[in-house]
Amino acid sequence: MRSHIIDTITTSPAHAETRASNLWAAVLTTIAFGDAVGVAISFALAYTLRFWLGWDIFREGYIHPTFYTALTGVLVCCWVGIFALYGLYTPHNLFGGTQEYVRIFNSSTLGALLVVVVTFLVPNFVIARAWLLMAWVFTLLITTLWRFSARRLIYAMRRAGHLSERVVVLGANAEGIAVAQQFCATPSSGITIIGFVDDNLSPGSEVMPGIPVLGPISSFQAIIQQHTADVVIIADTSIVRDRLSTIYGAMETLHQIDVRLSPGLFDLLTIGVQVREQGSVPLLALNKTRITGPHAVGKAMIDRVGALVGLIVLSPLFLAVALLIWREDRGPVIYRRRVMGTGNRSFDAFKFRTMRLDSDVLLSSDQYRELHESGKLKADPRITRIGRFLRHASIDELPQLVNIIFGQMSLVGPRMLTKEELTHFGRWQHSLLSVRPGLTGLWQISGRSNLGYEDRVRLDLQYIRNHSIWLDLYIIYRTIPAVIAGRGAY
């Protein structure tokens, strides 16, 4: 009996919530301690370079170990305080996207500027400007590296079921299911979908494997309390307008937990919005493309520089491949594939030709009708001997580096599609055309040709919704072993 009581207390919602709060407190304390250590190391390293190695960029300042030690202690506390003011210890601002790194840059820059202001206001307060400049640079590098490493640890903890928010999706419509599928596919996001609230499906019925309908709208308040939900994602806004506002206690419950709105249009999920106030009325304005601002500039620089370097380095390989293709059947070396780009504009994507010159004749014959229906087979008889090697080694698409130079493609992005293939993507067509197709992408590191259209859509939309420069670099890094292994390449 006593054992049963202890188990009940241990697994009670209140106890579980307390454990989660304690874990978050431990994580945030660890991160703050890591920041403090990183800032201290930055100032110490700057001191070493400035005074011990003589990096006197501005030829100003004197070596005072005691003074700089005390000053470093004060500045470490100030830096951590500024980090806190910028929300760098608020869970909602951490472990997702690039805003965390932007906040580090802004807060570190503010800290350095405040030190400069003090040197102007207090004439006797003299420091080496080179020391401060190097300390600022090292602070950015070391704290960003620390946060990046901590994020990897948090992702691992989330995949193990820790530090996750318990989410109820309001509305088991197509959009609610799409949102739930996205979160279930990315456990590192820290979202655990515990169920749906919907009037059209009976309680207990599974909308997705392991994710049931918890009950109707009339039981909303009891469902939230019973399942100790942290967040409600509203996928069907009509429910709130027509039903939820009339249920006693429901709106009060919404005020007590975190509420997030899923846009009422599918395309909003991937295009992105901005809030603009016009005539004192806040309006949502759609971005014409998903990747905007500094992200777009950074991505364009990586694309152009990477493509140019790739063309220069790989030029001997290109020449050798061209000679092998021409020698096999004396046909053209480059094949132009008409595909769709951003804004529904088509262009010719360049590839090394891997098929026989009479491939169209083979495709139209009865013998290869099955090939025509399936679209792609592992033993495609149209592919030449050198073509099979080029595909397996993923060399055939390298000429698309030229398309990247022209601004038609990106190093990383969704899989390029022909106009005919767009019919397989239904309502997602517009979203997929909001980002330039990529030479590589999540599809490349997740199975390539082994993936069906449904998986391709899921991965492409996952990339579009979660794009960042870090994600691009991660995909490029993961592409190399995927190409070497040759998984899904045929």
Protein backbone atom coordinates (compact mmCIF):
# COMPACT_ATOMS: atom_id res chain seq x y z
CA MET A 1 0.00 0.00 0.00
CA ARG A 2 2.78 2.39 0.97
CA SER A 3 4.65 1.52 -2.24
CA HIS A 4 1.54 2.31 -4.28
CA ILE A 5 1.17 5.70 -2.58
CA ILE A 6 4.82 6.51 -3.22
CA ASP A 7 4.47 5.55 -6.91
CA THR A 8 1.33 7.68 -7.20
CA ILE A 9 3.05 10.68 -5.67
CA THR A 10 6.13 10.18 -7.84
CA THR A 11 4.18 10.01 -11.06
CA SER A 12 1.60 12.69 -10.18
CA PRO A 13 1.29 15.63 -12.60
CA ALA A 14 2.40 18.10 -9.95
CA HIS A 15 5.53 16.07 -9.20
CA ALA A 16 6.30 15.66 -12.91
CA GLU A 17 5.89 19.41 -13.41
CA THR A 18 8.22 20.09 -10.49
CA ARG A 19 10.85 17.73 -11.92
CA ALA A 20 10.60 19.45 -15.31
CA SER A 21 10.98 22.88 -13.66
CA ASN A 22 14.00 21.70 -11.70
CA LEU A 23 15.56 20.26 -14.86
CA TRP A 24 15.03 23.51 -16.73
CA ALA A 25 16.53 25.44 -13.83
CA ALA A 26 19.58 23.17 -13.87
CA VAL A 27 19.95 23.54 -17.64
CA LEU A 28 19.68 27.34 -17.58
CA THR A 29 22.09 27.56 -14.63
CA THR A 30 24.58 25.40 -16.53
CA ILE A 31 24.24 27.57 -19.61
CA ALA A 32 24.73 30.76 -17.57
CA PHE A 33 27.80 29.25 -15.91
CA GLY A 34 29.15 28.25 -19.34
CA ASP A 35 28.58 31.79 -20.60
CA ALA A 36 30.44 33.23 -17.63
CA VAL A 37 33.37 30.87 -18.18
CA GLY A 38 33.38 31.65 -21.90
CA VAL A 39 33.42 35.42 -21.29
CA ALA A 40 36.19 35.06 -18.69
CA ILE A 41 38.28 32.97 -21.10
CA SER A 42 37.70 35.56 -23.84
CA PHE A 43 38.99 38.44 -21.72
CA ALA A 44 41.92 36.34 -20.45
CA LEU A 45 42.86 35.30 -23.98
CA ALA A 46 42.63 38.91 -25.15
CA TYR A 47 44.89 39.97 -22.25
CA THR A 48 47.43 37.30 -23.17
CA LEU A 49 47.56 38.34 -26.82
CA ARG A 50 47.64 42.07 -26.04
CA PHE A 51 50.25 42.18 -23.27
CA TRP A 52 52.20 38.93 -23.27
CA LEU A 53 52.54 38.59 -27.04
CA GLY A 54 52.55 42.30 -27.75
CA TRP A 55 49.52 42.61 -30.03
CA ASP A 56 49.34 46.38 -29.43
CA ILE A 57 47.01 47.29 -32.28
CA PHE A 58 46.41 50.84 -31.00
CA ARG A 59 49.66 51.21 -28.98
CA GLU A 60 47.74 52.24 -25.87
CA GLY A 61 47.28 50.80 -22.38
CA TYR A 62 49.59 49.37 -19.79
CA ILE A 63 49.95 45.93 -18.26
CA HIS A 64 48.24 45.88 -14.84
CA PRO A 65 47.43 42.25 -13.96
CA THR A 66 45.54 43.10 -10.76
CA PHE A 67 43.49 45.84 -12.43
CA TYR A 68 42.54 43.69 -15.44
CA THR A 69 41.74 40.70 -13.24
CA ALA A 70 39.31 42.75 -11.17
CA LEU A 71 37.87 44.39 -14.27
CA THR A 72 37.35 40.99 -15.92
CA GLY A 73 35.40 39.80 -12.87
CA VAL A 74 33.11 42.84 -13.06
CA LEU A 75 32.65 42.54 -16.82
CA VAL A 76 31.81 38.83 -16.63
CA CYS A 77 28.94 39.66 -14.25
CA CYS A 78 27.85 42.54 -16.50
CA TRP A 79 27.96 40.33 -19.60
CA VAL A 80 25.82 37.62 -18.00
CA GLY A 81 23.38 40.31 -16.84
CA ILE A 82 23.14 41.74 -20.36
CA PHE A 83 22.61 38.23 -21.72
CA ALA A 84 19.70 37.89 -19.29
CA LEU A 85 18.23 41.24 -20.39
CA TYR A 86 18.36 40.03 -24.00
CA GLY A 87 16.39 36.92 -23.09
CA LEU A 88 19.27 34.49 -23.45
CA TYR A 89 18.09 32.57 -20.39
CA THR A 90 14.45 32.43 -21.43
CA PRO A 91 13.58 28.93 -22.74
CA HIS A 92 11.36 30.23 -25.54
CA ASN A 93 14.31 32.15 -27.03
CA LEU A 94 16.72 29.22 -26.96
CA PHE A 95 17.54 26.05 -28.86
CA GLY A 96 15.86 26.85 -32.17
CA GLY A 97 16.66 29.03 -35.18
CA THR A 98 19.42 31.62 -35.36
CA GLN A 99 17.87 34.29 -33.12
CA GLU A 100 19.82 32.97 -30.15
CA TYR A 101 23.09 33.76 -31.93
CA VAL A 102 21.79 37.17 -33.02
CA ARG A 103 21.01 37.96 -29.37
CA ILE A 104 24.56 36.93 -28.40
CA PHE A 105 25.98 39.34 -30.99
CA ASN A 106 23.73 42.23 -29.90
CA SER A 107 24.31 41.74 -26.18
CA SER A 108 28.10 41.35 -26.53
CA THR A 109 28.26 44.44 -28.73
CA LEU A 110 26.22 46.41 -26.20
CA GLY A 111 28.56 45.29 -23.40
CA ALA A 112 31.63 46.44 -25.34
CA LEU A 113 29.98 49.79 -26.20
CA LEU A 114 29.11 50.39 -22.54
CA VAL A 115 32.77 49.88 -21.61
CA VAL A 116 33.75 52.43 -24.27
CA VAL A 117 31.20 54.91 -22.90
CA VAL A 118 32.64 54.51 -19.40
CA THR A 119 36.15 55.27 -20.66
CA PHE A 120 34.83 58.59 -22.05
CA LEU A 121 32.88 59.50 -18.91
CA VAL A 122 35.65 58.54 -16.46
CA PRO A 123 38.98 60.04 -17.63
CA ASN A 124 41.06 58.01 -15.17
CA PHE A 125 39.56 54.76 -16.43
CA VAL A 126 42.09 53.79 -19.10
CA ILE A 127 42.12 50.40 -20.79
CA ALA A 128 43.84 48.98 -23.85
CA ARG A 129 41.46 49.32 -26.75
CA ALA A 130 43.05 46.34 -28.52
CA TRP A 131 42.28 44.25 -25.42
CA LEU A 132 38.62 45.25 -25.51
CA LEU A 133 38.34 44.70 -29.25
CA MET A 134 39.88 41.24 -29.11
CA ALA A 135 37.81 40.38 -26.04
CA TRP A 136 34.64 41.30 -27.95
CA VAL A 137 35.63 39.08 -30.88
CA PHE A 138 36.57 36.15 -28.64
CA THR A 139 33.36 36.55 -26.65
CA LEU A 140 31.31 36.21 -29.81
CA LEU A 141 33.25 33.17 -30.98
CA ILE A 142 33.50 31.28 -27.69
CA THR A 143 29.97 31.91 -26.39
CA THR A 144 28.49 31.07 -29.78
CA LEU A 145 30.49 27.85 -29.89
CA TRP A 146 29.38 27.04 -26.33
CA ARG A 147 25.73 27.70 -27.16
CA PHE A 148 26.02 25.60 -30.31
CA SER A 149 27.45 22.69 -28.28
CA ALA A 150 24.80 23.11 -25.56
CA ARG A 151 22.11 23.03 -28.22
CA ARG A 152 23.36 19.63 -29.40
CA LEU A 153 23.04 18.35 -25.82
CA ILE A 154 19.53 19.79 -25.47
CA TYR A 155 18.48 18.13 -28.72
CA ALA A 156 19.72 14.79 -27.40
CA MET A 157 17.79 15.29 -24.16
CA ARG A 158 14.65 16.15 -26.10
CA ARG A 159 14.99 13.03 -28.23
CA ALA A 160 15.17 11.10 -24.96
CA GLY A 161 11.88 12.67 -23.84
CA HIS A 162 13.19 15.43 -21.55
CA LEU A 163 12.66 19.22 -21.73
CA SER A 164 9.65 18.78 -24.00
CA GLU A 165 6.41 20.75 -23.93
CA ARG A 166 3.19 18.75 -23.77
CA VAL A 167 1.00 20.03 -26.59
CA VAL A 168 -2.70 19.66 -27.36
CA VAL A 169 -3.76 20.44 -30.92
CA LEU A 170 -7.15 22.13 -31.17
CA GLY A 171 -8.69 20.78 -34.36
CA ALA A 172 -8.02 17.45 -36.05
CA ASN A 173 -8.39 18.95 -39.51
CA ALA A 174 -5.83 18.56 -42.28
CA GLU A 175 -3.80 21.52 -41.02
CA GLY A 176 -3.73 20.24 -37.43
CA ILE A 177 -2.55 16.84 -38.64
CA ALA A 178 0.14 18.47 -40.81
CA VAL A 179 1.45 20.47 -37.84
CA ALA A 180 1.48 17.37 -35.63
CA GLN A 181 3.29 15.33 -38.26
CA GLN A 182 5.94 18.02 -38.57
CA PHE A 183 6.63 17.99 -34.83
CA CYS A 184 6.59 14.19 -34.61
CA ALA A 185 9.17 14.08 -37.42
CA THR A 186 11.49 16.45 -35.50
CA PRO A 187 11.73 15.27 -31.87
CA SER A 188 14.56 17.74 -31.25
CA SER A 189 11.99 20.56 -31.48
CA GLY A 190 10.94 19.86 -27.90
CA ILE A 191 7.26 19.34 -28.72
CA THR A 192 5.34 16.25 -27.60
CA ILE A 193 1.88 15.99 -29.16
CA ILE A 194 -0.36 14.32 -26.56
CA GLY A 195 -3.58 14.48 -28.56
CA PHE A 196 -6.25 16.39 -30.44
CA VAL A 197 -9.41 18.13 -29.32
CA ASP A 198 -12.14 17.85 -31.92
CA ASP A 199 -15.94 17.56 -32.18
CA ASN A 200 -16.04 15.55 -35.40
CA LEU A 201 -14.16 12.46 -34.18
CA SER A 202 -15.00 10.20 -31.26
CA PRO A 203 -12.76 10.30 -28.17
CA GLY A 204 -10.05 7.66 -28.25
CA SER A 205 -9.88 7.36 -32.03
CA GLU A 206 -6.30 7.72 -33.30
CA VAL A 207 -5.77 10.55 -35.76
CA MET A 208 -2.12 9.55 -35.99
CA PRO A 209 -0.36 6.45 -34.64
CA GLY A 210 -0.28 6.80 -30.85
CA ILE A 211 -1.95 10.25 -30.88
CA PRO A 212 -5.67 10.05 -30.09
CA VAL A 213 -8.59 12.43 -29.93
CA LEU A 214 -8.78 13.39 -26.24
CA GLY A 215 -12.33 14.61 -26.36
CA PRO A 216 -14.74 17.23 -27.73
CA ILE A 217 -14.51 21.00 -27.36
CA SER A 218 -17.01 20.95 -24.52
CA SER A 219 -14.43 19.06 -22.39
CA PHE A 220 -11.56 21.41 -23.27
CA GLN A 221 -10.90 22.70 -19.76
CA ALA A 222 -10.97 19.22 -18.21
CA ILE A 223 -8.69 17.84 -20.96
CA ILE A 224 -6.05 20.52 -20.40
CA GLN A 225 -6.07 19.94 -16.63
CA GLN A 226 -6.17 16.14 -16.84
CA HIS A 227 -3.28 15.86 -19.29
CA THR A 228 -1.27 18.78 -17.78
CA ALA A 229 -0.79 20.38 -21.19
CA ASP A 230 1.80 23.16 -21.47
CA VAL A 231 0.77 24.48 -24.88
CA VAL A 232 -2.34 24.59 -27.04
CA ILE A 233 -1.85 24.90 -30.80
CA ILE A 234 -5.01 26.18 -32.45
CA ALA A 235 -5.21 24.66 -35.91
CA ASP A 236 -8.90 25.38 -36.54
CA THR A 237 -9.58 29.03 -35.72
CA SER A 238 -13.30 28.62 -36.38
CA ILE A 239 -13.50 26.46 -33.26
CA VAL A 240 -12.38 29.36 -31.09
CA ARG A 241 -14.74 31.79 -32.77
CA ASP A 242 -17.85 29.59 -32.89
CA ARG A 243 -17.54 27.13 -30.01
CA LEU A 244 -14.77 27.74 -27.49
CA SER A 245 -15.84 31.24 -26.49
CA THR A 246 -19.25 29.91 -25.37
CA ILE A 247 -17.88 27.16 -23.09
CA TYR A 248 -17.57 28.07 -19.43
CA GLY A 249 -13.96 28.23 -18.25
CA ALA A 250 -12.43 27.57 -21.67
CA MET A 251 -11.16 31.07 -22.34
CA GLU A 252 -9.78 31.33 -18.79
CA THR A 253 -7.88 28.10 -19.43
CA LEU A 254 -6.38 29.58 -22.61
CA HIS A 255 -5.10 32.53 -20.56
CA GLN A 256 -3.37 30.18 -18.12
CA ILE A 257 -1.26 28.27 -20.65
CA ASP A 258 0.83 29.05 -23.71
CA VAL A 259 -1.33 29.45 -26.82
CA ARG A 260 0.05 29.33 -30.35
CA LEU A 261 -1.88 29.83 -33.54
CA SER A 262 -1.38 27.76 -36.63
CA PRO A 263 -2.13 29.95 -39.67
CA GLY A 264 -5.43 29.40 -41.38
CA LEU A 265 -3.79 28.80 -44.76
CA PHE A 266 -1.44 25.92 -45.53
CA ASP A 267 0.90 28.13 -47.50
CA LEU A 268 1.38 30.42 -44.52
CA LEU A 269 3.25 27.59 -42.85
CA THR A 270 6.09 27.90 -45.31
CA ILE A 271 5.98 31.41 -46.76
CA GLY A 272 6.30 33.29 -43.46
CA VAL A 273 4.62 36.50 -42.34
CA GLN A 274 5.43 39.93 -40.95
CA VAL A 275 3.24 42.00 -38.67
CA ARG A 276 2.67 45.47 -40.11
CA GLU A 277 0.60 48.21 -38.53
CA GLN A 278 -1.37 50.38 -40.91
CA GLY A 279 -3.92 52.91 -39.70
CA SER A 280 -3.46 51.54 -36.15
CA VAL A 281 -4.60 48.13 -37.41
CA PRO A 282 -2.09 45.24 -37.11
CA LEU A 283 -2.07 43.18 -40.29
CA LEU A 284 -0.21 40.05 -41.34
CA ALA A 285 1.80 40.59 -44.53
CA LEU A 286 2.98 37.57 -46.50
CA ASN A 287 6.62 37.32 -47.58
CA LYS A 288 6.90 36.50 -51.26
CA THR A 289 9.75 34.13 -50.41
CA ARG A 290 10.43 32.20 -47.22
CA ILE A 291 14.09 33.19 -46.90
CA THR A 292 14.45 36.97 -46.52
CA GLY A 293 16.73 39.63 -45.06
CA PRO A 294 20.18 38.66 -43.71
CA HIS A 295 19.38 34.96 -44.24
CA ALA A 296 18.89 35.56 -47.96
CA VAL A 297 22.12 37.58 -48.23
CA GLY A 298 24.12 34.98 -46.31
CA LYS A 299 22.65 32.13 -48.34
CA ALA A 300 23.41 33.94 -51.63
CA MET A 301 27.04 34.51 -50.58
CA ILE A 302 27.51 30.87 -49.58
CA ASP A 303 25.91 29.73 -52.85
CA ARG A 304 27.95 31.90 -55.20
CA VAL A 305 31.29 31.50 -53.43
CA GLY A 306 30.78 27.76 -52.91
CA ALA A 307 29.72 27.19 -56.52
CA LEU A 308 32.65 29.20 -57.90
CA VAL A 309 35.18 27.35 -55.74
CA GLY A 310 33.54 24.04 -56.67
CA LEU A 311 33.77 24.75 -60.40
CA ILE A 312 37.45 25.68 -60.14
CA VAL A 313 38.41 22.68 -57.99
CA LEU A 314 36.34 20.17 -59.97
CA SER A 315 37.26 21.41 -63.46
CA PRO A 316 39.73 18.51 -64.10
CA LEU A 317 37.02 16.02 -63.08
CA PHE A 318 34.51 17.73 -65.38
CA LEU A 319 36.91 17.42 -68.30
CA ALA A 320 37.55 13.72 -67.64
CA VAL A 321 33.82 12.93 -67.30
CA ALA A 322 33.03 14.85 -70.50
CA LEU A 323 35.60 12.83 -72.43
CA LEU A 324 34.24 9.52 -71.08
CA ILE A 325 30.65 10.39 -71.99
CA TRP A 326 31.58 11.50 -75.51
CA ARG A 327 33.78 8.46 -76.04
CA GLU A 328 30.99 6.00 -75.17
CA ASP A 329 28.50 7.03 -77.88
CA ARG A 330 29.78 10.30 -79.39
CA GLY A 331 26.67 12.06 -78.06
CA PRO A 332 26.25 15.40 -76.28
CA VAL A 333 27.89 15.67 -72.87
CA ILE A 334 25.36 17.95 -71.14
CA TYR A 335 21.66 17.20 -70.75
CA ARG A 336 19.27 20.09 -70.14
CA ARG A 337 16.32 19.27 -67.89
CA ARG A 338 13.50 21.81 -67.87
CA VAL A 339 12.52 22.37 -64.22
CA MET A 340 10.59 24.89 -62.15
CA GLY A 341 12.27 27.61 -60.12
CA THR A 342 11.11 30.32 -57.75
CA GLY A 343 8.12 32.39 -58.78
CA ASN A 344 6.89 29.58 -61.06
CA ARG A 345 9.63 30.42 -63.58
CA SER A 346 11.19 27.52 -65.48
CA PHE A 347 14.86 27.10 -66.41
CA ASP A 348 17.24 24.48 -67.81
CA ALA A 349 19.06 22.54 -65.11
CA PHE A 350 22.38 21.19 -66.40
CA LYS A 351 23.39 17.56 -65.88
CA PHE A 352 25.96 15.21 -67.33
CA ARG A 353 24.08 12.99 -69.76
CA THR A 354 23.64 9.52 -68.25
CA MET A 355 21.12 7.97 -70.68
CA ARG A 356 21.41 6.47 -74.14
CA LEU A 357 20.66 8.60 -77.16
CA ASP A 358 17.64 6.42 -77.98
CA SER A 359 16.19 6.53 -74.43
CA ASP A 360 12.94 8.12 -75.64
CA VAL A 361 12.38 5.26 -78.07
CA LEU A 362 13.00 2.70 -75.35
CA LEU A 363 10.63 4.48 -72.99
CA SER A 364 7.75 4.47 -75.48
CA SER A 365 8.06 0.76 -76.24
CA ASP A 366 5.74 -1.80 -74.64
CA GLN A 367 8.71 -3.65 -73.17
CA TYR A 368 9.50 -0.73 -70.89
CA ARG A 369 5.96 0.47 -70.14
CA GLU A 370 6.45 -0.46 -66.49
CA LEU A 371 9.48 1.80 -66.42
CA HIS A 372 7.37 4.60 -67.87
CA GLU A 373 4.73 4.17 -65.16
CA SER A 374 7.10 3.94 -62.19
CA GLY A 375 9.26 6.83 -63.35
CA LYS A 376 12.54 5.41 -62.09
CA LEU A 377 13.90 1.90 -61.63
CA LYS A 378 17.10 0.65 -60.05
CA ALA A 379 17.91 -1.29 -63.22
CA ASP A 380 16.94 1.32 -65.79
CA PRO A 381 18.06 -0.01 -69.21
CA ARG A 382 18.23 3.50 -70.62
CA ILE A 383 21.25 4.40 -68.48
CA THR A 384 24.70 4.07 -70.04
CA ARG A 385 27.61 2.36 -68.33
CA ILE A 386 29.36 5.60 -67.48
CA GLY A 387 25.98 7.09 -66.60
CA ARG A 388 25.35 4.44 -63.96
CA PHE A 389 28.67 5.27 -62.31
CA LEU A 390 27.98 9.01 -62.47
CA ARG A 391 24.60 8.56 -60.78
CA HIS A 392 25.91 6.26 -58.09
CA ALA A 393 28.72 8.69 -57.31
CA SER A 394 26.33 11.70 -57.56
CA ILE A 395 28.58 13.32 -60.14
CA ASP A 396 25.91 13.71 -62.83
CA GLU A 397 24.33 16.79 -61.19
CA LEU A 398 27.57 18.69 -60.49
CA PRO A 399 27.16 20.88 -63.62
CA GLN A 400 24.29 22.51 -61.73
CA LEU A 401 26.98 24.57 -60.03
CA VAL A 402 26.61 26.74 -63.14
CA ASN A 403 22.88 27.13 -62.38
CA ILE A 404 23.86 28.27 -58.89
CA ILE A 405 26.19 30.90 -60.35
CA PHE A 406 23.27 32.10 -62.51
CA GLY A 407 21.08 32.41 -59.39
CA GLN A 408 18.62 29.76 -60.57
CA MET A 409 19.52 27.19 -57.91
CA SER A 410 21.08 26.99 -54.46
CA LEU A 411 23.66 24.68 -52.93
CA VAL A 412 20.99 23.54 -50.45
CA GLY A 413 17.26 23.50 -51.07
CA PRO A 414 14.26 21.39 -52.08
CA ARG A 415 14.57 18.78 -54.83
CA MET A 416 14.04 20.36 -58.23
CA LEU A 417 10.77 19.49 -59.95
CA THR A 418 9.46 19.47 -63.49
CA LYS A 419 6.13 21.06 -64.29
CA GLU A 420 4.59 17.60 -64.61
CA GLU A 421 5.93 16.49 -61.21
CA LEU A 422 4.27 19.44 -59.47
CA THR A 423 0.90 17.70 -59.89
CA HIS A 424 2.00 15.17 -57.24
CA PHE A 425 2.37 17.91 -54.62
CA GLY A 426 -1.16 19.32 -54.63
CA ARG A 427 -1.67 22.27 -52.32
CA TRP A 428 2.06 22.41 -51.50
CA GLN A 429 3.09 23.50 -55.01
CA HIS A 430 3.28 27.19 -54.17
CA SER A 431 5.34 26.57 -51.03
CA LEU A 432 7.88 24.42 -52.86
CA LEU A 433 8.36 27.16 -55.45
CA SER A 434 9.03 29.82 -52.80
CA VAL A 435 12.67 28.63 -52.41
CA ARG A 436 15.29 27.93 -55.08
CA PRO A 437 15.83 24.20 -55.68
CA GLY A 438 19.06 22.82 -54.29
CA LEU A 439 21.98 20.76 -55.50
CA THR A 440 21.61 18.93 -52.19
CA GLY A 441 19.09 18.95 -49.37
CA LEU A 442 17.41 16.92 -46.66
CA TRP A 443 16.29 14.45 -49.35
CA GLN A 444 19.95 13.90 -50.31
CA ILE A 445 20.98 12.88 -46.80
CA SER A 446 17.79 10.90 -46.10
CA GLY A 447 17.64 8.30 -48.86
CA ARG A 448 17.42 10.13 -52.21
CA SER A 449 15.73 7.91 -54.79
CA ASN A 450 14.50 5.49 -52.13
CA LEU A 451 12.05 8.15 -50.99
CA GLY A 452 8.48 8.39 -52.25
CA TYR A 453 6.71 11.62 -53.12
CA GLU A 454 5.12 11.85 -49.66
CA ASP A 455 8.49 11.67 -47.92
CA ARG A 456 10.00 14.14 -50.37
CA VAL A 457 7.23 16.64 -49.65
CA ARG A 458 7.69 16.22 -45.90
CA LEU A 459 11.46 16.75 -46.08
CA ASP A 460 11.25 19.68 -48.48
CA LEU A 461 8.64 21.46 -46.35
CA GLN A 462 10.64 20.70 -43.23
CA TYR A 463 13.64 22.43 -44.80
CA ILE A 464 11.60 25.43 -46.00
CA ARG A 465 9.99 25.98 -42.61
CA ASN A 466 13.19 25.59 -40.59
CA HIS A 467 15.77 27.15 -42.88
CA SER A 468 18.87 28.71 -41.36
CA ILE A 469 22.48 29.14 -42.41
CA TRP A 470 23.38 26.52 -39.78
CA LEU A 471 20.96 24.04 -41.32
CA ASP A 472 22.52 24.63 -44.75
CA LEU A 473 26.02 24.02 -43.38
CA TYR A 474 24.82 20.90 -41.55
CA ILE A 475 23.27 19.48 -44.74
CA ILE A 476 26.41 20.21 -46.75
CA TYR A 477 28.45 18.45 -44.04
CA ARG A 478 26.13 15.41 -44.04
CA THR A 479 26.01 15.25 -47.86
CA ILE A 480 29.63 14.12 -48.13
CA PRO A 481 29.25 10.77 -46.28
CA ALA A 482 25.84 10.22 -47.92
CA VAL A 483 27.39 10.56 -51.38
CA ILE A 484 30.33 8.32 -50.48
CA ALA A 485 27.98 5.63 -49.16
CA GLY A 486 25.82 5.89 -52.27
CA ARG A 487 22.56 5.36 -50.37
CA GLY A 488 19.53 5.65 -52.64
CA ALA A 489 21.62 6.62 -55.68
CA TYR A 490 20.48 4.99 -58.90
